C-alpha atoms as a PDB file:
ATOM      1  CA  MET A   1      99.619 131.699 -59.924  1.00  0.00           C
ATOM      2  CA  THR A   2     102.669 129.804 -61.152  1.00  0.00           C
ATOM      3  CA  VAL A   3     106.291 130.912 -60.993  1.00  0.00           C
ATOM      4  CA  PHE A   4     108.124 129.365 -63.917  1.00  0.00           C
ATOM      5  CA  ILE A   5     111.497 129.492 -65.617  1.00  0.00           C
ATOM      6  CA  ASP A   6     111.502 129.669 -69.419  1.00  0.00           C
ATOM      7  CA  ILE A   7     114.939 129.338 -70.991  1.00  0.00           C
ATOM      8  CA  THR A   8     116.750 127.916 -74.012  1.00  0.00           C
ATOM      9  CA  VAL A   9     119.810 125.706 -73.599  1.00  0.00           C
ATOM     10  CA  SER A  10     122.079 123.557 -75.706  1.00  0.00           C
ATOM     11  CA  LEU A  11     122.249 119.803 -75.199  1.00  0.00           C
ATOM     12  CA  ASP A  12     125.150 120.347 -72.801  1.00  0.00           C
ATOM     13  CA  GLY A  13     123.212 122.954 -70.829  1.00  0.00           C
ATOM     14  CA  VAL A  14     124.745 126.165 -72.187  1.00  0.00           C
ATOM     15  CA  ALA A  15     122.298 129.084 -72.122  1.00  0.00           C
ATOM     16  CA  ALA A  16     124.664 131.828 -73.331  1.00  0.00           C
ATOM     17  CA  GLY A  17     127.888 131.787 -75.264  1.00  0.00           C
ATOM     18  CA  PRO A  18     131.149 133.196 -73.889  1.00  0.00           C
ATOM     19  CA  GLU A  19     131.839 136.948 -73.679  1.00  0.00           C
ATOM     20  CA  VAL A  20     128.272 138.132 -73.157  1.00  0.00           C
ATOM     21  CA  GLY A  21     128.131 141.898 -73.607  1.00  0.00           C
ATOM     22  CA  LEU A  22     126.724 144.678 -75.737  1.00  0.00           C
ATOM     23  CA  ALA A  23     128.614 143.438 -78.793  1.00  0.00           C
ATOM     24  CA  HIS A  24     127.374 139.867 -78.276  1.00  0.00           C
ATOM     25  CA  PRO A  25     124.167 139.912 -76.188  1.00  0.00           C
ATOM     26  CA  LEU A  26     123.938 136.098 -76.146  1.00  0.00           C
ATOM     27  CA  GLY A  27     127.680 135.570 -76.119  1.00  0.00           C
ATOM     28  CA  LEU A  28     129.861 134.580 -79.047  1.00  0.00           C
ATOM     29  CA  GLY A  29     127.794 132.442 -81.393  1.00  0.00           C
ATOM     30  CA  GLY A  30     124.859 132.534 -79.011  1.00  0.00           C
ATOM     31  CA  GLY A  31     122.365 133.178 -81.796  1.00  0.00           C
ATOM     32  CA  ARG A  32     122.645 129.472 -82.654  1.00  0.00           C
ATOM     33  CA  LEU A  33     120.737 128.705 -79.472  1.00  0.00           C
ATOM     34  CA  HIS A  34     117.788 130.770 -80.670  1.00  0.00           C
ATOM     35  CA  ARG A  35     117.601 129.657 -84.275  1.00  0.00           C
ATOM     36  CA  TRP A  36     114.428 127.742 -83.364  1.00  0.00           C
ATOM     37  CA  ILE A  37     112.602 131.061 -82.963  1.00  0.00           C
ATOM     38  CA  GLY A  38     113.784 132.420 -86.295  1.00  0.00           C
ATOM     39  CA  MET A  39     116.959 134.182 -85.204  1.00  0.00           C
ATOM     40  CA  GLY A  40     120.158 133.638 -87.171  1.00  0.00           C
ATOM     41  CA  ASP A  41     123.584 133.315 -85.613  1.00  0.00           C
ATOM     42  CA  GLU A  42     124.540 136.779 -86.782  1.00  0.00           C
ATOM     43  CA  GLN A  43     121.754 138.481 -84.810  1.00  0.00           C
ATOM     44  CA  ASP A  44     122.645 137.358 -81.287  1.00  0.00           C
ATOM     45  CA  ILE A  45     119.600 139.095 -79.821  1.00  0.00           C
ATOM     46  CA  PRO A  46     118.425 137.969 -76.369  1.00  0.00           C
ATOM     47  CA  ASP A  47     114.896 136.978 -75.344  1.00  0.00           C
ATOM     48  CA  PRO A  48     111.942 137.529 -75.381  1.00  0.00           C
ATOM     49  CA  PRO A  49     111.562 134.966 -78.155  1.00  0.00           C
ATOM     50  CA  ALA A  50     108.008 135.510 -79.392  1.00  0.00           C
ATOM     51  CA  ARG A  51     108.821 139.027 -80.605  1.00  0.00           C
ATOM     52  CA  ALA A  52     112.247 138.387 -82.076  1.00  0.00           C
ATOM     53  CA  GLY A  53     111.771 136.174 -85.100  1.00  0.00           C
ATOM     54  CA  GLU A  54     109.179 134.448 -87.231  1.00  0.00           C
ATOM     55  CA  PRO A  55     108.986 130.881 -85.900  1.00  0.00           C
ATOM     56  CA  ASP A  56     106.467 128.456 -87.373  1.00  0.00           C
ATOM     57  CA  GLY A  57     104.111 125.823 -86.033  1.00  0.00           C
ATOM     58  CA  MET A  58     105.016 124.077 -82.806  1.00  0.00           C
ATOM     59  CA  ASP A  59     108.135 126.188 -82.275  1.00  0.00           C
ATOM     60  CA  ALA A  60     106.039 129.347 -82.576  1.00  0.00           C
ATOM     61  CA  ALA A  61     103.550 127.991 -80.045  1.00  0.00           C
ATOM     62  CA  ALA A  62     106.358 127.126 -77.625  1.00  0.00           C
ATOM     63  CA  ALA A  63     107.810 130.619 -77.957  1.00  0.00           C
ATOM     64  CA  ALA A  64     104.478 132.370 -77.510  1.00  0.00           C
ATOM     65  CA  ALA A  65     103.586 130.291 -74.442  1.00  0.00           C
ATOM     66  CA  MET A  66     106.021 132.299 -72.330  1.00  0.00           C
ATOM     67  CA  PHE A  67     103.698 135.306 -72.626  1.00  0.00           C
ATOM     68  CA  GLU A  68     100.346 133.541 -72.344  1.00  0.00           C
ATOM     69  CA  GLY A  69      98.873 134.026 -68.896  1.00  0.00           C
ATOM     70  CA  THR A  70     102.042 135.754 -67.665  1.00  0.00           C
ATOM     71  CA  GLY A  71     101.541 138.917 -65.650  1.00  0.00           C
ATOM     72  CA  ALA A  72     105.129 139.779 -64.684  1.00  0.00           C
ATOM     73  CA  PHE A  73     108.730 138.854 -65.466  1.00  0.00           C
ATOM     74  CA  VAL A  74     111.953 138.634 -63.445  1.00  0.00           C
ATOM     75  CA  MET A  75     115.405 138.977 -65.000  1.00  0.00           C
ATOM     76  CA  GLY A  76     119.022 139.683 -64.134  1.00  0.00           C
ATOM     77  CA  ARG A  77     120.849 142.936 -64.674  1.00  0.00           C
ATOM     78  CA  THR A  78     123.084 141.573 -67.419  1.00  0.00           C
ATOM     79  CA  MET A  79     120.100 140.464 -69.482  1.00  0.00           C
ATOM     80  CA  PHE A  80     118.557 143.904 -69.085  1.00  0.00           C
ATOM     81  CA  ASP A  81     121.769 145.719 -70.006  1.00  0.00           C
ATOM     82  CA  VAL A  82     122.378 143.750 -73.207  1.00  0.00           C
ATOM     83  CA  GLY A  83     118.738 143.648 -74.243  1.00  0.00           C
ATOM     84  CA  ILE A  84     117.149 147.002 -73.491  1.00  0.00           C
ATOM     85  CA  ASP A  85     118.390 148.773 -76.622  1.00  0.00           C
ATOM     86  CA  LEU A  86     117.236 145.860 -78.786  1.00  0.00           C
ATOM     87  CA  TRP A  87     113.737 145.334 -77.422  1.00  0.00           C
ATOM     88  CA  GLY A  88     112.277 148.401 -79.093  1.00  0.00           C
ATOM     89  CA  PRO A  89     110.207 151.336 -77.842  1.00  0.00           C
ATOM     90  CA  ASP A  90     107.546 149.089 -76.260  1.00  0.00           C
ATOM     91  CA  GLY A  91     110.071 147.112 -74.190  1.00  0.00           C
ATOM     92  CA  ALA A  92     108.881 143.862 -75.796  1.00  0.00           C
ATOM     93  CA  PHE A  93     107.485 142.185 -72.662  1.00  0.00           C
ATOM     94  CA  GLY A  94     104.217 144.115 -72.381  1.00  0.00           C
ATOM     95  CA  ALA A  95     104.078 143.633 -68.607  1.00  0.00           C
ATOM     96  CA  PRO A  96     105.963 144.618 -65.438  1.00  0.00           C
ATOM     97  CA  VAL A  97     109.565 143.385 -65.402  1.00  0.00           C
ATOM     98  CA  PHE A  98     111.626 143.226 -62.206  1.00  0.00           C
ATOM     99  CA  VAL A  99     115.376 143.508 -62.725  1.00  0.00           C
ATOM    100  CA  LEU A 100     117.795 142.210 -60.093  1.00  0.00           C
ATOM    101  CA  THR A 101     120.583 144.724 -59.601  1.00  0.00           C
ATOM    102  CA  HIS A 102     122.991 146.283 -57.105  1.00  0.00           C
ATOM    103  CA  ARG A 103     122.261 149.801 -58.373  1.00  0.00           C
ATOM    104  CA  THR A 104     119.181 151.786 -57.391  1.00  0.00           C
ATOM    105  CA  GLU A 105     117.456 153.364 -60.403  1.00  0.00           C
ATOM    106  CA  PRO A 106     114.023 154.857 -61.115  1.00  0.00           C
ATOM    107  CA  VAL A 107     111.406 152.758 -62.880  1.00  0.00           C
ATOM    108  CA  LEU A 108     111.917 152.721 -66.639  1.00  0.00           C
ATOM    109  CA  VAL A 109     108.740 152.833 -68.732  1.00  0.00           C
ATOM    110  CA  LYS A 110     108.763 151.527 -72.300  1.00  0.00           C
ATOM    111  CA  GLY A 111     105.200 151.636 -73.567  1.00  0.00           C
ATOM    112  CA  PRO A 112     103.269 148.862 -71.785  1.00  0.00           C
ATOM    113  CA  THR A 113     106.477 147.458 -70.264  1.00  0.00           C
ATOM    114  CA  THR A 114     107.851 148.762 -66.968  1.00  0.00           C
ATOM    115  CA  PHE A 115     111.298 147.858 -65.670  1.00  0.00           C
ATOM    116  CA  THR A 116     111.611 148.064 -61.880  1.00  0.00           C
ATOM    117  CA  PHE A 117     115.100 147.664 -60.409  1.00  0.00           C
ATOM    118  CA  VAL A 118     115.257 145.486 -57.300  1.00  0.00           C
ATOM    119  CA  THR A 119     118.264 145.713 -54.992  1.00  0.00           C
ATOM    120  CA  GLU A 120     116.820 143.576 -52.194  1.00  0.00           C
ATOM    121  CA  GLY A 121     117.434 140.200 -53.843  1.00  0.00           C
ATOM    122  CA  LEU A 122     115.646 137.499 -55.795  1.00  0.00           C
ATOM    123  CA  GLU A 123     113.001 136.652 -53.206  1.00  0.00           C
ATOM    124  CA  THR A 124     111.931 140.302 -53.052  1.00  0.00           C
ATOM    125  CA  ALA A 125     111.837 140.536 -56.855  1.00  0.00           C
ATOM    126  CA  ILE A 126     109.512 137.553 -57.066  1.00  0.00           C
ATOM    127  CA  ARG A 127     107.344 138.915 -54.246  1.00  0.00           C
ATOM    128  CA  TRP A 128     106.992 142.242 -56.053  1.00  0.00           C
ATOM    129  CA  ALA A 129     106.258 140.360 -59.269  1.00  0.00           C
ATOM    130  CA  ARG A 130     103.475 138.449 -57.498  1.00  0.00           C
ATOM    131  CA  ASP A 131     101.866 141.719 -56.449  1.00  0.00           C
ATOM    132  CA  ALA A 132     102.178 143.187 -59.939  1.00  0.00           C
ATOM    133  CA  ALA A 133     100.955 140.053 -61.740  1.00  0.00           C
ATOM    134  CA  ARG A 134      97.525 140.233 -60.069  1.00  0.00           C
ATOM    135  CA  GLY A 135      96.937 136.511 -60.042  1.00  0.00           C
ATOM    136  CA  ARG A 136      98.633 135.767 -63.360  1.00  0.00           C
ATOM    137  CA  ASP A 137     101.830 133.738 -63.722  1.00  0.00           C
ATOM    138  CA  ILE A 138     105.392 134.962 -63.174  1.00  0.00           C
ATOM    139  CA  CYS A 139     108.200 134.106 -65.591  1.00  0.00           C
ATOM    140  CA  VAL A 140     111.850 134.047 -64.536  1.00  0.00           C
ATOM    141  CA  VAL A 141     113.207 134.713 -67.994  1.00  0.00           C
ATOM    142  CA  GLY A 142     116.951 134.760 -67.367  1.00  0.00           C
ATOM    143  CA  GLY A 143     119.764 134.928 -67.590  1.00  0.00           C
ATOM    144  CA  PRO A 144     120.916 131.443 -66.630  1.00  0.00           C
ATOM    145  CA  THR A 145     122.483 132.517 -63.335  1.00  0.00           C
ATOM    146  CA  VAL A 146     119.254 134.106 -62.107  1.00  0.00           C
ATOM    147  CA  ALA A 147     117.165 131.164 -63.318  1.00  0.00           C
ATOM    148  CA  ASP A 148     119.434 128.689 -61.530  1.00  0.00           C
ATOM    149  CA  ALA A 149     119.354 130.761 -58.336  1.00  0.00           C
ATOM    150  CA  ALA A 150     115.552 130.773 -58.408  1.00  0.00           C
ATOM    151  CA  LEU A 151     115.478 127.000 -58.809  1.00  0.00           C
ATOM    152  CA  ARG A 152     118.016 126.456 -56.036  1.00  0.00           C
ATOM    153  CA  SER A 153     116.058 128.739 -53.714  1.00  0.00           C
ATOM    154  CA  GLY A 154     112.829 126.768 -54.064  1.00  0.00           C
ATOM    155  CA  LEU A 155     111.002 129.736 -55.576  1.00  0.00           C
ATOM    156  CA  VAL A 156     109.970 128.025 -58.814  1.00  0.00           C
ATOM    157  CA  ASP A 157     106.875 125.917 -59.527  1.00  0.00           C
ATOM    158  CA  GLU A 158     107.645 124.920 -63.110  1.00  0.00           C
ATOM    159  CA  LEU A 159     110.664 124.658 -65.396  1.00  0.00           C
ATOM    160  CA  VAL A 160     110.309 125.145 -69.154  1.00  0.00           C
ATOM    161  CA  LEU A 161     113.349 124.155 -71.196  1.00  0.00           C
ATOM    162  CA  HIS A 162     113.871 124.564 -74.922  1.00  0.00           C
ATOM    163  CA  ILE A 163     116.737 122.192 -75.721  1.00  0.00           C
ATOM    164  CA  VAL A 164     118.549 122.913 -78.975  1.00  0.00           C
ATOM    165  CA  PRO A 165     120.290 119.970 -80.696  1.00  0.00           C
ATOM    166  CA  VAL A 166     123.836 121.279 -80.428  1.00  0.00           C
ATOM    167  CA  ILE A 167     126.693 120.664 -78.020  1.00  0.00           C
ATOM    168  CA  PHE A 168     127.885 124.206 -77.467  1.00  0.00           C
ATOM    169  CA  GLY A 169     131.042 123.374 -75.560  1.00  0.00           C
ATOM    170  CA  GLU A 170     131.590 126.639 -73.684  1.00  0.00           C
ATOM    171  CA  GLY A 171     129.648 129.496 -72.162  1.00  0.00           C
ATOM    172  CA  THR A 172     127.330 129.966 -69.193  1.00  0.00           C
ATOM    173  CA  ARG A 173     125.505 126.799 -68.200  1.00  0.00           C
ATOM    174  CA  LEU A 174     122.049 126.918 -66.695  1.00  0.00           C
ATOM    175  CA  PHE A 175     122.923 124.669 -63.777  1.00  0.00           C
ATOM    176  CA  GLY A 176     126.504 125.852 -63.326  1.00  0.00           C
ATOM    177  CA  ASP A 177     129.619 123.726 -63.240  1.00  0.00           C
ATOM    178  CA  GLY A 178     129.669 122.829 -59.542  1.00  0.00           C
ATOM    179  CA  PRO A 179     127.497 120.706 -57.254  1.00  0.00           C
ATOM    180  CA  HIS A 180     123.761 121.283 -57.479  1.00  0.00           C
ATOM    181  CA  PRO A 181     121.108 120.303 -54.936  1.00  0.00           C
ATOM    182  CA  ARG A 182     118.767 117.542 -56.047  1.00  0.00           C
ATOM    183  CA  VAL A 183     115.579 118.834 -57.648  1.00  0.00           C
ATOM    184  CA  GLU A 184     112.862 116.311 -58.483  1.00  0.00           C
ATOM    185  CA  LEU A 185     110.801 117.117 -61.572  1.00  0.00           C
ATOM    186  CA  LEU A 186     107.468 115.819 -62.851  1.00  0.00           C
ATOM    187  CA  PRO A 187     107.169 115.841 -66.661  1.00  0.00           C
ATOM    188  CA  LEU A 188     104.077 117.787 -67.791  1.00  0.00           C
ATOM    189  CA  ALA A 189     104.522 118.216 -71.530  1.00  0.00           C
ATOM    190  CA  VAL A 190     106.978 117.622 -74.359  1.00  0.00           C
ATOM    191  CA  THR A 191     107.001 118.853 -77.944  1.00  0.00           C
ATOM    192  CA  GLN A 192     109.765 117.972 -80.385  1.00  0.00           C
ATOM    193  CA  THR A 193     110.607 119.661 -83.665  1.00  0.00           C
ATOM    194  CA  PRO A 194     113.712 119.468 -85.859  1.00  0.00           C
ATOM    195  CA  SER A 195     114.902 122.709 -84.229  1.00  0.00           C
ATOM    196  CA  ALA A 196     114.327 122.078 -80.519  1.00  0.00           C
ATOM    197  CA  THR A 197     112.763 119.877 -77.878  1.00  0.00           C
ATOM    198  CA  HIS A 198     110.358 121.826 -75.667  1.00  0.00           C
ATOM    199  CA  LEU A 199     109.999 120.401 -72.163  1.00  0.00           C
ATOM    200  CA  ARG A 200     107.772 121.489 -69.304  1.00  0.00           C
ATOM    201  CA  TYR A 201     108.229 120.137 -65.778  1.00  0.00           C
ATOM    202  CA  ALA A 202     106.590 120.677 -62.429  1.00  0.00           C
ATOM    203  CA  VAL A 203     109.134 121.251 -59.676  1.00  0.00           C
ATOM    204  CA  LEU A 204     108.360 118.905 -56.790  1.00  0.00           C
ATOM    205  CA  ARG A 205     108.774 120.292 -53.281  1.00  0.00           C
END
């Protein structure tokens, strides 16, 4: 079982544009970051990527890989709030999803996708995801603040980055703007297309 982050960023590390909200789920102009999966700037729809557009070839394979062998997902409350009305009646993920939140809510069922709200913190969310995944992998899908917290906490085995060839300039950066603890990475795979560079690293303990 592998716990991995899968996230798209610009060349300067921006994972979401400014003013993320219901009107702009990926922030202002954030759709540019997901053009590699067939989403135009005007759509601004958040992950999951494999269901959102019609990518081709190596980009399509990189998008679909997030779901392959994955038994559960972990996400932040903001990502859930801006995405739930856009993911359709089946919830898009097709597996248990654990949502970090400060508000207790009943489990939400959307077809094969269940959204469980976790108020006990990130470590508990990943522990519950391990139980639900039944030996399959766990994906920390976002947003960037949750992904960074998981990496900082030593809870992640692999980091998958889709780097889009644009300097975004402003927005929420994956690794924040302040000091970050050193994290050593072992390159496992790289695929490059005109739209994005897909990188997979092992996180060294």
